[in-house]
Amino acid sequence: MLRTLSEVQTLDLELDALATERGQIPPALTAARQRERALRAELQARRAELGALRQRLNENEMELASLQERRKKAADAALRASSGKEASQFQNQELQFATRLQELEEDTMPLLEEQESRQEAVDELQGQLDVLQPEVEALEEAERERVAKLDEHTRELAERRAQLAAGVPASLLKQYEQVRKARRGLGVVPVTEGGTCGGCNVRLPIFVVQKVRKGQGVTRCPSCGRLLWSTNG
């Protein structure tokens, strides 16, 4: 039974290794994912800034259109004025509108230049993302294939493990699993030729060694509690 249990443990250790390997994402994929997330976050931020800038430009354009209309009306009103005083008032309004128009146009020009610059930055980031995405997709596909192979191997080992474990008494299997969980994956270990525990390397009492080698029941290491078995048994 203990020899069979040792074979079960061999499979358990392989399953542990497969589980560890499955969780180890390739560094290239991790780096590509991080780069993609960073690019998307930066692109989103730059687009938000560009959107806010375009809103300001739209507001300026609306104000410019309004001022131009009001300036024209003031100019027309000055021409239709019934007195010099009234004409002067409309001319003053036209001048005020013209002054504000000039100021607003001067304020708008840098915004247009900034919009062009920000658009270039957005296009550059989008270009980088477009180049990166096929690389990420290829790495993701390779990762799916890697995981699928590991999962298939895991299923095969699990089936073999279940078949072996079926030949071990339930009480013994339970002891083994409890000890294995508490002792870093090793629940059953051999007694060495020198009479030491194959798990913790502590020299075992002679009567313990003899009991194990004679196959007299289930014996545990007095030091680490692992189940002991003899490769010569």
Protein backbone atom coordinates (compact mmCIF):
# COMPACT_ATOMS: atom_id res chain seq x y z
CA MET A 1 0.00 0.00 0.00
CA LEU A 2 2.78 2.44 0.91
CA ARG A 3 4.62 1.79 -2.34
CA THR A 4 1.39 2.55 -4.20
CA LEU A 5 0.94 5.63 -2.04
CA SER A 6 4.46 6.71 -3.01
CA GLU A 7 3.46 6.40 -6.66
CA VAL A 8 0.38 8.49 -5.92
CA GLN A 9 2.65 11.11 -4.38
CA THR A 10 4.89 11.12 -7.45
CA LEU A 11 1.85 12.02 -9.52
CA ASP A 12 0.74 14.59 -6.93
CA LEU A 13 4.13 16.28 -7.16
CA GLU A 14 3.87 16.35 -10.94
CA LEU A 15 0.40 17.86 -10.64
CA ASP A 16 1.74 20.47 -8.22
CA ALA A 17 4.48 21.36 -10.69
CA LEU A 18 1.96 21.64 -13.53
CA ALA A 19 -0.26 23.92 -11.45
CA THR A 20 2.73 26.14 -10.67
CA GLU A 21 3.79 26.20 -14.32
CA ARG A 22 0.25 27.04 -15.40
CA GLY A 23 0.22 30.10 -13.17
CA GLN A 24 3.54 31.41 -14.49
CA ILE A 25 2.57 33.80 -17.27
CA PRO A 26 5.39 34.26 -19.79
CA PRO A 27 7.30 37.53 -19.12
CA ALA A 28 6.84 38.62 -22.74
CA LEU A 29 3.06 38.40 -22.40
CA THR A 30 3.08 40.18 -19.04
CA ALA A 31 5.18 43.00 -20.48
CA ALA A 32 2.98 43.28 -23.58
CA ARG A 33 -0.19 43.42 -21.48
CA GLN A 34 1.29 46.11 -19.25
CA ARG A 35 2.39 48.12 -22.29
CA GLU A 36 -1.07 47.80 -23.85
CA ARG A 37 -2.80 48.91 -20.64
CA ALA A 38 -0.42 51.87 -20.32
CA LEU A 39 -0.98 52.91 -23.94
CA ARG A 40 -4.76 52.65 -23.62
CA ALA A 41 -4.75 54.68 -20.41
CA GLU A 42 -2.55 57.37 -21.92
CA LEU A 43 -4.58 57.42 -25.12
CA GLN A 44 -7.79 57.85 -23.13
CA ALA A 45 -6.27 60.73 -21.17
CA ARG A 46 -4.95 62.46 -24.32
CA ARG A 47 -8.31 62.05 -26.05
CA ALA A 48 -10.07 63.59 -23.05
CA GLU A 49 -7.70 66.58 -23.18
CA LEU A 50 -8.24 66.92 -26.92
CA GLY A 51 -11.99 66.78 -26.41
CA ALA A 52 -11.85 69.55 -23.80
CA LEU A 53 -9.72 71.67 -26.12
CA ARG A 54 -12.15 71.17 -29.00
CA GLN A 55 -14.98 72.25 -26.70
CA ARG A 56 -13.13 75.48 -25.95
CA LEU A 57 -12.56 76.04 -29.68
CA ASN A 58 -16.23 75.44 -30.43
CA GLU A 59 -17.20 77.97 -27.79
CA ASN A 60 -14.74 80.49 -29.28
CA GLU A 61 -16.07 79.87 -32.78
CA MET A 62 -19.63 80.42 -31.60
CA GLU A 63 -18.62 83.64 -29.86
CA LEU A 64 -16.70 84.79 -32.95
CA ALA A 65 -19.74 84.17 -35.14
CA SER A 66 -21.94 86.06 -32.68
CA LEU A 67 -19.53 89.00 -32.50
CA GLN A 68 -19.24 89.20 -36.27
CA GLU A 69 -23.01 89.29 -36.57
CA ARG A 70 -23.33 91.94 -33.88
CA ARG A 71 -20.54 94.01 -35.45
CA LYS A 72 -22.29 93.88 -38.81
CA LYS A 73 -25.58 94.94 -37.26
CA ALA A 74 -23.86 97.83 -35.49
CA ALA A 75 -22.21 98.92 -38.74
CA ASP A 76 -25.52 98.74 -40.59
CA ALA A 77 -27.26 100.64 -37.81
CA ALA A 78 -24.61 103.39 -37.96
CA LEU A 79 -25.34 103.84 -41.65
CA ARG A 80 -29.06 104.11 -41.00
CA ALA A 81 -28.72 106.42 -38.00
CA SER A 82 -30.91 109.47 -38.01
CA SER A 83 -28.37 111.67 -36.25
CA GLY A 84 -24.65 112.04 -35.83
CA LYS A 85 -24.93 111.18 -32.14
CA GLU A 86 -26.81 107.96 -32.86
CA ALA A 87 -24.33 107.06 -35.60
CA SER A 88 -21.47 107.64 -33.17
CA GLN A 89 -23.03 105.31 -30.61
CA PHE A 90 -23.33 102.49 -33.14
CA GLN A 91 -19.81 103.13 -34.38
CA ASN A 92 -18.54 102.81 -30.81
CA GLN A 93 -20.38 99.50 -30.49
CA GLU A 94 -18.86 98.33 -33.76
CA LEU A 95 -15.42 99.26 -32.49
CA GLN A 96 -15.98 97.38 -29.23
CA PHE A 97 -17.10 94.30 -31.13
CA ALA A 98 -14.12 94.60 -33.49
CA THR A 99 -11.73 94.87 -30.53
CA ARG A 100 -13.22 91.83 -28.87
CA LEU A 101 -13.11 89.95 -32.16
CA GLN A 102 -9.40 90.67 -32.51
CA GLU A 103 -8.71 89.57 -28.94
CA LEU A 104 -10.70 86.37 -29.37
CA GLU A 105 -8.98 85.56 -32.69
CA GLU A 106 -5.60 86.08 -31.04
CA ASP A 107 -6.64 83.78 -28.19
CA THR A 108 -7.94 81.16 -30.62
CA MET A 109 -4.81 80.83 -32.77
CA PRO A 110 -2.69 79.16 -30.03
CA LEU A 111 -5.59 76.82 -29.29
CA LEU A 112 -5.68 75.73 -32.93
CA GLU A 113 -1.95 75.05 -32.84
CA GLU A 114 -2.36 73.17 -29.57
CA GLN A 115 -5.20 71.14 -31.08
CA GLU A 116 -2.97 70.11 -33.94
CA SER A 117 -0.20 69.10 -31.55
CA ARG A 118 -2.56 67.12 -29.32
CA GLN A 119 -4.10 65.41 -32.34
CA GLU A 120 -0.63 64.34 -33.45
CA ALA A 121 0.03 62.92 -29.99
CA VAL A 122 -3.25 60.98 -30.09
CA ASP A 123 -2.46 59.66 -33.57
CA GLU A 124 1.02 58.61 -32.43
CA LEU A 125 -0.37 56.71 -29.45
CA GLN A 126 -3.04 55.07 -31.60
CA GLY A 127 -0.34 54.04 -34.06
CA GLN A 128 1.72 52.45 -31.29
CA LEU A 129 -1.36 50.61 -30.06
CA ASP A 130 -2.19 49.39 -33.57
CA VAL A 131 1.33 47.98 -33.90
CA LEU A 132 1.26 46.40 -30.44
CA GLN A 133 -2.16 44.73 -30.65
CA PRO A 134 -1.21 41.99 -33.16
CA GLU A 135 1.80 41.16 -30.98
CA VAL A 136 -0.40 40.91 -27.89
CA GLU A 137 -2.95 38.78 -29.74
CA ALA A 138 -0.21 36.41 -30.92
CA LEU A 139 1.17 36.10 -27.39
CA GLU A 140 -2.33 35.56 -26.00
CA GLU A 141 -2.96 32.78 -28.53
CA ALA A 142 0.36 31.14 -27.63
CA GLU A 143 -0.59 31.37 -23.96
CA ARG A 144 -3.97 29.73 -24.61
CA GLU A 145 -2.22 26.89 -26.42
CA ARG A 146 0.32 26.52 -23.61
CA VAL A 147 -2.39 26.41 -20.95
CA ALA A 148 -4.48 23.97 -23.00
CA LYS A 149 -1.55 21.54 -23.24
CA LEU A 150 -0.88 21.82 -19.52
CA ASP A 151 -4.56 21.26 -18.74
CA GLU A 152 -4.64 18.18 -20.96
CA HIS A 153 -1.55 16.79 -19.27
CA THR A 154 -3.09 17.60 -15.89
CA ARG A 155 -6.26 15.69 -16.77
CA GLU A 156 -4.22 12.66 -17.84
CA LEU A 157 -2.18 12.66 -14.64
CA ALA A 158 -5.29 13.21 -12.51
CA GLU A 159 -6.93 10.16 -14.09
CA ARG A 160 -3.86 8.03 -13.43
CA ARG A 161 -3.69 9.37 -9.89
CA ALA A 162 -7.35 8.52 -9.27
CA GLN A 163 -6.80 4.97 -10.52
CA LEU A 164 -3.80 4.47 -8.22
CA ALA A 165 -5.48 6.13 -5.24
CA ALA A 166 -8.43 3.76 -5.61
CA GLY A 167 -6.13 0.96 -4.48
CA VAL A 168 -5.19 2.73 -1.24
CA PRO A 169 -7.40 2.44 1.86
CA ALA A 170 -9.37 5.64 2.40
CA SER A 171 -8.04 6.13 5.95
CA LEU A 172 -4.42 5.84 4.81
CA LEU A 173 -5.02 8.15 1.86
CA LYS A 174 -6.55 10.71 4.21
CA GLN A 175 -3.53 10.55 6.55
CA TYR A 176 -1.19 10.98 3.59
CA GLU A 177 -3.07 13.98 2.23
CA GLN A 178 -3.15 15.70 5.62
CA VAL A 179 0.57 15.18 6.16
CA ARG A 180 1.41 16.18 2.59
CA LYS A 181 -0.52 19.42 2.98
CA ALA A 182 1.33 20.24 6.21
CA ARG A 183 4.77 19.16 4.97
CA ARG A 184 5.41 21.00 1.73
CA GLY A 185 4.07 18.33 -0.59
CA LEU A 186 5.73 15.26 0.91
CA GLY A 187 3.43 13.02 2.88
CA VAL A 188 5.20 9.69 2.43
CA VAL A 189 8.99 9.30 2.31
CA PRO A 190 11.43 6.38 2.21
CA VAL A 191 13.72 5.29 4.98
CA THR A 192 17.27 5.75 3.65
CA GLU A 193 19.98 3.10 3.66
CA GLY A 194 21.52 4.95 6.58
CA GLY A 195 18.33 4.69 8.59
CA THR A 196 17.25 8.33 8.32
CA CYS A 197 13.92 9.87 7.36
CA GLY A 198 13.80 10.70 3.66
CA GLY A 199 11.84 13.84 4.48
CA CYS A 200 13.57 15.58 7.39
CA ASN A 201 16.87 13.60 7.38
CA VAL A 202 16.64 12.86 11.11
CA ARG A 203 18.16 9.50 12.15
CA LEU A 204 15.36 7.16 13.06
CA PRO A 205 15.32 4.83 16.08
CA ILE A 206 16.34 1.27 15.15
CA PHE A 207 12.96 -0.17 16.11
CA VAL A 208 11.23 2.30 13.78
CA VAL A 209 13.51 1.35 10.90
CA GLN A 210 12.95 -2.34 11.54
CA LYS A 211 9.18 -1.89 11.73
CA VAL A 212 9.13 -0.04 8.45
CA ARG A 213 11.37 -2.52 6.66
CA LYS A 214 9.27 -5.43 7.89
CA GLY A 215 6.15 -3.67 6.67
CA GLN A 216 4.49 -3.86 10.05
CA GLY A 217 1.62 -1.41 9.67
CA VAL A 218 1.79 2.32 9.06
CA THR A 219 4.72 4.07 10.71
CA ARG A 220 5.32 7.80 10.91
CA CYS A 221 8.57 9.64 11.47
CA PRO A 222 8.78 10.67 15.15
CA SER A 223 10.28 13.99 14.06
CA CYS A 224 8.30 15.27 11.08
CA GLY A 225 5.26 12.98 11.15
CA ARG A 226 5.61 11.83 7.55
CA LEU A 227 4.57 8.32 6.61
CA LEU A 228 7.56 6.06 6.19
CA TRP A 229 8.08 3.25 3.75
CA SER A 230 10.94 1.01 2.72
CA THR A 231 12.11 0.80 -0.87
CA ASN A 232 13.34 -2.69 -0.07
CA GLY A 233 9.94 -3.83 1.20
